[in-house]
Protein backbone atom coordinates (compact mmCIF):
# COMPACT_ATOMS: atom_id res chain seq x y z
CA MET A 1 -28.15 5.47 10.56
CA LYS A 2 -25.39 4.80 8.00
CA LYS A 3 -25.75 8.33 6.72
CA ASP A 4 -24.80 9.59 10.19
CA ILE A 5 -21.39 7.87 10.09
CA LEU A 6 -18.80 10.31 8.80
CA ILE A 7 -15.49 8.92 7.58
CA PRO A 8 -13.25 11.78 6.42
CA GLU A 9 -11.41 11.76 3.10
CA VAL A 10 -7.85 10.41 3.19
CA THR A 11 -5.14 12.78 1.96
CA ASP A 12 -1.34 12.51 1.92
CA VAL A 13 -1.32 8.77 2.60
CA PHE A 14 -0.21 6.58 -0.30
CA MET A 15 0.66 3.01 -1.21
CA ALA A 16 3.61 2.16 -3.44
CA ILE A 17 4.98 -1.00 -4.97
CA VAL A 18 8.74 -0.63 -5.35
CA LYS A 19 11.35 -2.70 -7.13
CA GLU A 20 14.49 -2.92 -5.04
CA TYR A 21 17.61 -5.02 -4.89
CA ASN A 22 17.71 -7.75 -2.24
CA GLU A 23 21.29 -8.01 -0.93
CA ASP A 24 20.66 -11.38 0.76
CA PHE A 25 19.39 -13.17 -2.35
CA LYS A 26 21.19 -11.03 -4.96
CA CYS A 27 18.04 -10.34 -6.98
CA ASP A 28 15.37 -7.67 -7.50
CA ASP A 29 12.23 -7.89 -5.35
CA TRP A 30 8.88 -6.13 -5.48
CA ASN A 31 7.81 -4.71 -2.09
CA ALA A 32 4.71 -2.81 -1.00
CA TYR A 33 5.09 0.29 1.18
CA ILE A 34 2.68 2.61 2.96
CA ILE A 35 3.72 6.26 2.88
CA ASN A 36 2.62 8.91 5.39
CA ASN A 37 3.29 12.28 3.76
CA LYS A 38 1.33 14.12 6.46
CA GLU A 39 2.76 16.47 9.07
CA VAL A 40 1.22 14.30 11.82
CA GLU A 41 1.69 10.75 13.05
CA LEU A 42 -0.80 8.01 12.14
CA GLU A 43 -1.90 5.60 14.84
CA MET A 44 -3.14 2.00 14.71
CA VAL A 45 -2.62 1.55 10.98
CA LEU A 46 -4.33 -1.64 9.79
CA ILE A 47 -3.67 -2.93 6.28
CA LEU A 48 -5.45 -5.83 4.59
CA SER A 49 -3.96 -6.84 1.26
CA LYS A 50 -5.17 -9.33 -1.32
CA GLY A 51 -4.91 -10.10 -4.99
CA ASP A 52 -7.79 -11.07 -7.22
CA GLU A 53 -8.86 -11.38 -10.84
CA GLU A 54 -12.59 -11.42 -11.50
CA THR A 55 -12.59 -13.00 -14.95
CA THR A 56 -10.46 -16.02 -14.00
CA LYS A 57 -11.62 -16.20 -10.35
CA LEU A 58 -8.00 -16.29 -9.17
CA LYS A 59 -7.45 -15.02 -5.62
CA THR A 60 -4.69 -14.83 -3.07
CA SER A 61 -5.01 -15.23 0.65
CA VAL A 62 -5.56 -12.08 2.71
CA LEU A 63 -2.56 -10.61 4.50
CA ARG A 64 -3.10 -8.47 7.59
CA LYS A 65 -0.53 -6.00 8.88
CA LYS A 66 -0.69 -3.68 11.89
CA ILE A 67 1.57 -0.69 12.48
CA ASP A 68 1.12 0.91 15.91
CA LYS A 69 2.51 4.30 14.90
CA LEU A 70 3.65 5.66 11.54
CA PRO A 71 5.53 8.94 12.10
CA ALA A 72 4.96 12.05 9.99
CA LYS A 73 6.82 12.12 6.65
CA SER A 74 7.78 8.45 6.88
CA TYR A 75 7.03 5.06 5.36
CA ALA A 76 6.91 1.38 6.31
CA LYS A 77 7.35 -1.81 4.33
CA VAL A 78 4.08 -3.75 4.24
CA GLU A 79 4.97 -6.92 2.37
CA TYR A 80 6.99 -8.66 -0.31
CA ILE A 81 5.03 -9.04 -3.56
CA ASN A 82 5.61 -12.25 -5.51
CA PRO A 83 5.97 -11.29 -9.21
CA ALA A 84 3.27 -13.85 -10.15
CA VAL A 85 0.74 -11.84 -8.11
CA LEU A 86 1.33 -8.74 -10.26
CA ARG A 87 -0.91 -10.26 -12.97
CA LEU A 88 -3.81 -9.83 -10.50
CA ASN A 89 -5.41 -6.68 -9.10
CA ASN A 90 -3.53 -5.95 -5.86
CA ILE A 91 -5.84 -4.36 -3.30
CA PHE A 92 -4.79 -2.70 -0.04
CA ASP A 93 -7.50 -1.69 2.44
CA VAL A 94 -5.94 0.83 4.84
CA THR A 95 -7.56 2.04 8.07
CA PHE A 96 -5.90 4.35 10.58
CA PHE A 97 -6.50 6.94 13.27
CA GLU A 98 -5.39 10.56 13.06
CA ALA A 99 -6.27 12.93 15.90
CA ASN A 100 -8.73 10.34 17.26
CA LYS A 101 -10.64 10.20 13.96
CA MET A 102 -10.85 7.03 11.90
CA PHE A 103 -9.85 7.15 8.23
CA ASP A 104 -10.27 4.41 5.64
CA LYS A 105 -9.19 4.06 2.02
CA THR A 106 -8.77 1.29 -0.54
CA PHE A 107 -5.75 1.43 -2.86
CA THR A 108 -5.93 -0.76 -5.97
CA PHE A 109 -3.03 -1.54 -8.26
CA LYS A 110 -4.77 -2.78 -11.42
CA LYS A 111 -3.32 -5.87 -13.06
CA GLY A 112 -0.51 -5.08 -15.44
CA THR A 113 0.18 -1.59 -14.05
CA VAL A 114 3.16 -2.59 -11.92
CA LYS A 115 5.97 -3.19 -14.41
CA GLU A 116 9.41 -1.90 -15.35
CA GLY A 117 8.05 0.76 -17.74
CA SER A 118 5.79 2.27 -15.06
CA LEU A 119 8.50 2.88 -12.46
CA ARG A 120 8.94 6.49 -11.30
CA MET A 121 11.06 8.01 -8.54
CA ILE A 122 9.10 8.24 -5.28
CA PRO A 123 10.59 11.24 -3.43
CA LEU A 124 10.07 10.22 0.21
CA LEU A 125 11.28 6.66 -0.42
CA LYS A 126 14.08 7.73 -2.79
CA LYS A 127 13.34 4.56 -4.77
CA LYS A 128 11.65 3.78 -8.07
CA GLY A 129 8.18 2.29 -7.99
CA VAL A 130 4.49 2.71 -8.79
CA LEU A 131 2.55 5.07 -6.51
CA ILE A 132 -1.20 5.08 -5.87
CA LYS A 133 -2.81 8.17 -4.33
């Protein structure tokens, strides 16, 4: 039965963690974004995010975010990332519908990979961050 369930491969949808200046608090913040680089809109985007570290058993609570529609060639802010959480693996489970088909992918930012030296320009966002494909 499980073998009969077909979940297509996800392409042109990415997660990014971006460092950007917060005008209200006059400091730099880390924020997670979902990026739709497709030519079509995504519907009913569900994102579950959590942080964990297997060796120390540290875990964060699970955050759930729903985006009704994510237009083609666009992005949406998912959440603020506390810098202390960057020492954990940050996991984003993303599920969405495209043309009435369900897609699902897990994006994992390994601990220690989100840091100043890893920042690169993300074209669609026009901001520097770490991108996971």
